[in-house]
Amino acid sequence: MPLWQFYHPPTAFATAQEKQSLVDDVTKMYTNWGLPAFYVVVQFLPMDTGADGSGDDKKSANMFVGGSSARAANFVRVIVHHLAFQSQGSVAAHQRIASGIDAVLQPHVAAKGFNWEYHVSESPPTMWKINGYVPPVMGNAAVATWAKEDKPSAYEGDGRAKE
């Protein structure tokens, strides 16, 4: 599962259309790589930077950049968690993943004038289940089945305890 978390000022993704457009682009990046769409989770976490966005009201601010809530009013922080799609330490894979993320963020964040940063963490896929199933590894025919059906289902070697 890729999980994208956007920590942002309320002005960054103010409409449902802006959010949906970004979510569509994130999802398309992974489905183009062969992952099922239902793997992709995107969360928008608006962070108050002060009553009027100027940072003058630090009591209500809960996001700061460089010690400044005013600076946070124009800042988007993205955390990407990968379980299904991993680089395996490959520099080429790192570059491919980073290029994909950059392309997704460009029109939705960078082109709108926000300052931004992201990082990608990779968690062991052995600690991941969906509806009780251990997701199939890339290359397993079950990945294509899950993508086609857009839901998890039993497959040979699905990791469930046998009775």
C-alpha atoms as a PDB file:
ATOM      1  CA  MET A   1       0.000   0.000   0.000  1.00  0.00           C
ATOM      2  CA  PRO A   2       1.223   3.438  -0.729  1.00  0.00           C
ATOM      3  CA  LEU A   3      -0.050   5.874   1.887  1.00  0.00           C
ATOM      4  CA  TRP A   4       0.364   9.563   1.100  1.00  0.00           C
ATOM      5  CA  GLN A   5      -0.163  12.040   3.921  1.00  0.00           C
ATOM      6  CA  PHE A   6      -0.373  15.737   3.100  1.00  0.00           C
ATOM      7  CA  TYR A   7       0.238  18.113   6.013  1.00  0.00           C
ATOM      8  CA  HIS A   8      -0.790  21.469   4.631  1.00  0.00           C
ATOM      9  CA  PRO A   9      -2.236  24.893   5.366  1.00  0.00           C
ATOM     10  CA  PRO A  10      -6.009  25.009   4.811  1.00  0.00           C
ATOM     11  CA  THR A  11      -5.488  27.069   1.654  1.00  0.00           C
ATOM     12  CA  ALA A  12      -3.462  24.355  -0.123  1.00  0.00           C
ATOM     13  CA  PHE A  13      -6.274  21.979  -1.063  1.00  0.00           C
ATOM     14  CA  ALA A  14      -9.355  24.067  -0.445  1.00  0.00           C
ATOM     15  CA  THR A  15     -11.829  22.355  -2.772  1.00  0.00           C
ATOM     16  CA  ALA A  16     -13.035  18.821  -3.283  1.00  0.00           C
ATOM     17  CA  GLN A  17     -12.035  19.144  -6.953  1.00  0.00           C
ATOM     18  CA  GLU A  18      -8.420  20.025  -6.057  1.00  0.00           C
ATOM     19  CA  LYS A  19      -8.215  17.048  -3.714  1.00  0.00           C
ATOM     20  CA  GLN A  20      -9.804  14.633  -6.185  1.00  0.00           C
ATOM     21  CA  SER A  21      -7.489  15.733  -9.000  1.00  0.00           C
ATOM     22  CA  LEU A  22      -4.440  15.102  -6.816  1.00  0.00           C
ATOM     23  CA  VAL A  23      -5.815  11.762  -5.567  1.00  0.00           C
ATOM     24  CA  ASP A  24      -6.464  10.689  -9.176  1.00  0.00           C
ATOM     25  CA  ASP A  25      -2.860  11.486 -10.135  1.00  0.00           C
ATOM     26  CA  VAL A  26      -1.416   9.654  -7.114  1.00  0.00           C
ATOM     27  CA  THR A  27      -3.577   6.601  -7.825  1.00  0.00           C
ATOM     28  CA  LYS A  28      -2.721   6.615 -11.532  1.00  0.00           C
ATOM     29  CA  MET A  29       1.008   6.602 -10.726  1.00  0.00           C
ATOM     30  CA  TYR A  30       0.655   3.281  -8.898  1.00  0.00           C
ATOM     31  CA  THR A  31      -1.909   1.633 -11.149  1.00  0.00           C
ATOM     32  CA  ASN A  32       0.425   2.381 -14.081  1.00  0.00           C
ATOM     33  CA  TRP A  33       3.017   0.348 -12.180  1.00  0.00           C
ATOM     34  CA  GLY A  34       0.552  -2.556 -11.864  1.00  0.00           C
ATOM     35  CA  LEU A  35      -0.764  -2.080  -8.330  1.00  0.00           C
ATOM     36  CA  PRO A  36      -4.479  -2.360  -7.525  1.00  0.00           C
ATOM     37  CA  ALA A  37      -6.167   1.028  -7.095  1.00  0.00           C
ATOM     38  CA  PHE A  38      -7.518   0.060  -3.672  1.00  0.00           C
ATOM     39  CA  TYR A  39      -3.948  -0.133  -2.351  1.00  0.00           C
ATOM     40  CA  VAL A  40      -3.604   3.655  -2.666  1.00  0.00           C
ATOM     41  CA  VAL A  41      -4.590   5.736   0.360  1.00  0.00           C
ATOM     42  CA  VAL A  42      -4.326   9.541   0.418  1.00  0.00           C
ATOM     43  CA  GLN A  43      -4.959  11.632   3.520  1.00  0.00           C
ATOM     44  CA  PHE A  44      -5.273  15.420   3.707  1.00  0.00           C
ATOM     45  CA  LEU A  45      -4.337  16.791   7.107  1.00  0.00           C
ATOM     46  CA  PRO A  46      -4.919  20.562   7.191  1.00  0.00           C
ATOM     47  CA  MET A  47      -2.778  22.322   9.767  1.00  0.00           C
ATOM     48  CA  ASP A  48      -3.772  25.655  11.286  1.00  0.00           C
ATOM     49  CA  THR A  49      -1.030  28.243  10.815  1.00  0.00           C
ATOM     50  CA  GLY A  50      -2.790  31.055  12.678  1.00  0.00           C
ATOM     51  CA  ALA A  51      -6.206  32.690  12.547  1.00  0.00           C
ATOM     52  CA  ASP A  52      -5.527  34.687   9.367  1.00  0.00           C
ATOM     53  CA  GLY A  53      -2.593  32.760   7.947  1.00  0.00           C
ATOM     54  CA  SER A  54      -0.173  35.519   8.895  1.00  0.00           C
ATOM     55  CA  GLY A  55       1.127  33.626  11.871  1.00  0.00           C
ATOM     56  CA  ASP A  56       0.192  36.426  14.248  1.00  0.00           C
ATOM     57  CA  ASP A  57      -2.117  34.155  16.233  1.00  0.00           C
ATOM     58  CA  LYS A  58       0.386  31.546  17.416  1.00  0.00           C
ATOM     59  CA  LYS A  59      -2.102  30.233  19.997  1.00  0.00           C
ATOM     60  CA  SER A  60      -4.132  28.550  17.261  1.00  0.00           C
ATOM     61  CA  ALA A  61      -1.168  27.614  15.082  1.00  0.00           C
ATOM     62  CA  ASN A  62      -0.163  23.954  15.064  1.00  0.00           C
ATOM     63  CA  MET A  63       2.282  23.970  12.165  1.00  0.00           C
ATOM     64  CA  PHE A  64       5.622  25.757  12.158  1.00  0.00           C
ATOM     65  CA  VAL A  65       8.493  25.839   9.668  1.00  0.00           C
ATOM     66  CA  GLY A  66      11.817  27.178  10.854  1.00  0.00           C
ATOM     67  CA  GLY A  67      10.103  28.240  14.085  1.00  0.00           C
ATOM     68  CA  SER A  68       7.565  30.338  12.178  1.00  0.00           C
ATOM     69  CA  SER A  69       3.854  29.746  11.758  1.00  0.00           C
ATOM     70  CA  ALA A  70       3.825  32.452   9.048  1.00  0.00           C
ATOM     71  CA  ARG A  71       6.314  30.415   7.016  1.00  0.00           C
ATOM     72  CA  ALA A  72       4.090  27.350   7.449  1.00  0.00           C
ATOM     73  CA  ALA A  73       1.197  29.203   5.767  1.00  0.00           C
ATOM     74  CA  ASN A  74       2.872  28.452   2.415  1.00  0.00           C
ATOM     75  CA  PHE A  75       4.313  25.008   3.145  1.00  0.00           C
ATOM     76  CA  VAL A  76       3.165  21.482   2.268  1.00  0.00           C
ATOM     77  CA  ARG A  77       4.816  18.444   3.874  1.00  0.00           C
ATOM     78  CA  VAL A  78       4.223  15.043   2.256  1.00  0.00           C
ATOM     79  CA  ILE A  79       4.993  11.689   3.823  1.00  0.00           C
ATOM     80  CA  VAL A  80       4.814   8.679   1.519  1.00  0.00           C
ATOM     81  CA  HIS A  81       4.768   5.203   3.073  1.00  0.00           C
ATOM     82  CA  HIS A  82       5.497   2.253   0.797  1.00  0.00           C
ATOM     83  CA  LEU A  83       4.743  -1.379   1.586  1.00  0.00           C
ATOM     84  CA  ALA A  84       3.692  -2.912  -1.742  1.00  0.00           C
ATOM     85  CA  PHE A  85       6.112  -1.069  -3.980  1.00  0.00           C
ATOM     86  CA  GLN A  86       9.659  -1.005  -2.700  1.00  0.00           C
ATOM     87  CA  SER A  87      12.994   0.031  -4.113  1.00  0.00           C
ATOM     88  CA  GLN A  88      14.980  -2.888  -2.659  1.00  0.00           C
ATOM     89  CA  GLY A  89      17.828  -0.402  -2.221  1.00  0.00           C
ATOM     90  CA  SER A  90      18.143   0.187  -5.966  1.00  0.00           C
ATOM     91  CA  VAL A  91      19.304   3.692  -6.888  1.00  0.00           C
ATOM     92  CA  ALA A  92      17.454   3.375 -10.219  1.00  0.00           C
ATOM     93  CA  ALA A  93      14.241   2.495  -8.347  1.00  0.00           C
ATOM     94  CA  HIS A  94      14.783   5.437  -5.976  1.00  0.00           C
ATOM     95  CA  GLN A  95      15.083   7.749  -8.979  1.00  0.00           C
ATOM     96  CA  ARG A  96      12.003   6.253 -10.675  1.00  0.00           C
ATOM     97  CA  ILE A  97       9.918   6.624  -7.507  1.00  0.00           C
ATOM     98  CA  ALA A  98      11.162  10.170  -6.843  1.00  0.00           C
ATOM     99  CA  SER A  99      10.518  11.170 -10.473  1.00  0.00           C
ATOM    100  CA  GLY A 100       6.975   9.819 -10.230  1.00  0.00           C
ATOM    101  CA  ILE A 101       6.313  11.704  -6.991  1.00  0.00           C
ATOM    102  CA  ASP A 102       7.829  14.900  -8.417  1.00  0.00           C
ATOM    103  CA  ALA A 103       5.574  14.642 -11.480  1.00  0.00           C
ATOM    104  CA  VAL A 104       2.492  14.179  -9.303  1.00  0.00           C
ATOM    105  CA  LEU A 105       3.341  17.084  -6.979  1.00  0.00           C
ATOM    106  CA  GLN A 106       4.378  19.562  -9.680  1.00  0.00           C
ATOM    107  CA  PRO A 107       0.912  20.722 -10.834  1.00  0.00           C
ATOM    108  CA  HIS A 108      -0.792  20.385  -7.447  1.00  0.00           C
ATOM    109  CA  VAL A 109       1.802  21.885  -5.111  1.00  0.00           C
ATOM    110  CA  ALA A 110       4.867  23.370  -6.792  1.00  0.00           C
ATOM    111  CA  ALA A 111       3.017  25.123  -9.628  1.00  0.00           C
ATOM    112  CA  LYS A 112       0.710  26.743  -7.078  1.00  0.00           C
ATOM    113  CA  GLY A 113       3.686  28.404  -5.406  1.00  0.00           C
ATOM    114  CA  PHE A 114       3.853  26.358  -2.224  1.00  0.00           C
ATOM    115  CA  ASN A 115       7.140  25.444  -0.617  1.00  0.00           C
ATOM    116  CA  TRP A 116       7.201  21.693  -0.139  1.00  0.00           C
ATOM    117  CA  GLU A 117       9.150  18.637   0.819  1.00  0.00           C
ATOM    118  CA  TYR A 118       8.540  14.918   0.996  1.00  0.00           C
ATOM    119  CA  HIS A 119      10.147  11.728   2.111  1.00  0.00           C
ATOM    120  CA  VAL A 120       9.421   8.092   1.341  1.00  0.00           C
ATOM    121  CA  SER A 121       9.587   5.385   3.978  1.00  0.00           C
ATOM    122  CA  GLU A 122       9.557   1.696   3.179  1.00  0.00           C
ATOM    123  CA  SER A 123       8.119  -0.685   5.755  1.00  0.00           C
ATOM    124  CA  PRO A 124       8.587  -4.449   5.715  1.00  0.00           C
ATOM    125  CA  PRO A 125       5.760  -5.967   3.670  1.00  0.00           C
ATOM    126  CA  THR A 126       5.735  -8.918   6.068  1.00  0.00           C
ATOM    127  CA  MET A 127       3.963  -6.664   8.587  1.00  0.00           C
ATOM    128  CA  TRP A 128       1.121  -5.821   6.230  1.00  0.00           C
ATOM    129  CA  LYS A 129      -2.299  -7.383   5.684  1.00  0.00           C
ATOM    130  CA  ILE A 130      -5.480  -6.355   3.901  1.00  0.00           C
ATOM    131  CA  ASN A 131      -8.725  -7.905   5.162  1.00  0.00           C
ATOM    132  CA  GLY A 132      -6.643 -10.637   6.765  1.00  0.00           C
ATOM    133  CA  TYR A 133      -4.715 -11.507   3.592  1.00  0.00           C
ATOM    134  CA  VAL A 134      -0.985 -11.114   3.149  1.00  0.00           C
ATOM    135  CA  PRO A 135      -0.899  -9.187  -0.130  1.00  0.00           C
ATOM    136  CA  PRO A 136       0.760 -11.005  -3.024  1.00  0.00           C
ATOM    137  CA  VAL A 137       4.234  -9.865  -4.017  1.00  0.00           C
ATOM    138  CA  MET A 138       4.747  -8.031  -7.296  1.00  0.00           C
ATOM    139  CA  GLY A 139       4.980 -10.543 -10.096  1.00  0.00           C
ATOM    140  CA  ASN A 140       2.491 -12.940  -8.481  1.00  0.00           C
ATOM    141  CA  ALA A 141      -0.559 -13.491 -10.722  1.00  0.00           C
ATOM    142  CA  ALA A 142      -2.785 -12.616  -7.754  1.00  0.00           C
ATOM    143  CA  VAL A 143      -1.674  -8.961  -8.019  1.00  0.00           C
ATOM    144  CA  ALA A 144      -3.311  -8.742 -11.455  1.00  0.00           C
ATOM    145  CA  THR A 145      -6.433 -10.478 -10.125  1.00  0.00           C
ATOM    146  CA  TRP A 146      -6.661  -8.073  -7.210  1.00  0.00           C
ATOM    147  CA  ALA A 147      -6.180  -5.112  -9.575  1.00  0.00           C
ATOM    148  CA  LYS A 148      -8.842  -6.389 -12.006  1.00  0.00           C
ATOM    149  CA  GLU A 149     -11.362  -7.173  -9.248  1.00  0.00           C
ATOM    150  CA  ASP A 150     -10.383  -4.040  -7.255  1.00  0.00           C
ATOM    151  CA  LYS A 151     -10.517  -5.994  -4.003  1.00  0.00           C
ATOM    152  CA  PRO A 152      -8.458  -8.537  -2.060  1.00  0.00           C
ATOM    153  CA  SER A 153      -9.292 -12.231  -2.356  1.00  0.00           C
ATOM    154  CA  ALA A 154      -7.852 -15.610  -1.422  1.00  0.00           C
ATOM    155  CA  TYR A 155      -4.988 -16.933  -3.505  1.00  0.00           C
ATOM    156  CA  GLU A 156      -2.558 -19.799  -3.200  1.00  0.00           C
ATOM    157  CA  GLY A 157       0.008 -18.884  -0.588  1.00  0.00           C
ATOM    158  CA  ASP A 158      -2.070 -15.999   0.791  1.00  0.00           C
ATOM    159  CA  GLY A 159      -0.420 -16.345   4.186  1.00  0.00           C
ATOM    160  CA  ARG A 160      -3.532 -17.176   6.199  1.00  0.00           C
ATOM    161  CA  ALA A 161      -3.202 -19.886   8.798  1.00  0.00           C
ATOM    162  CA  LYS A 162      -4.418 -23.211   7.477  1.00  0.00           C
ATOM    163  CA  GLU A 163      -6.953 -25.053   9.608  1.00  0.00           C
END
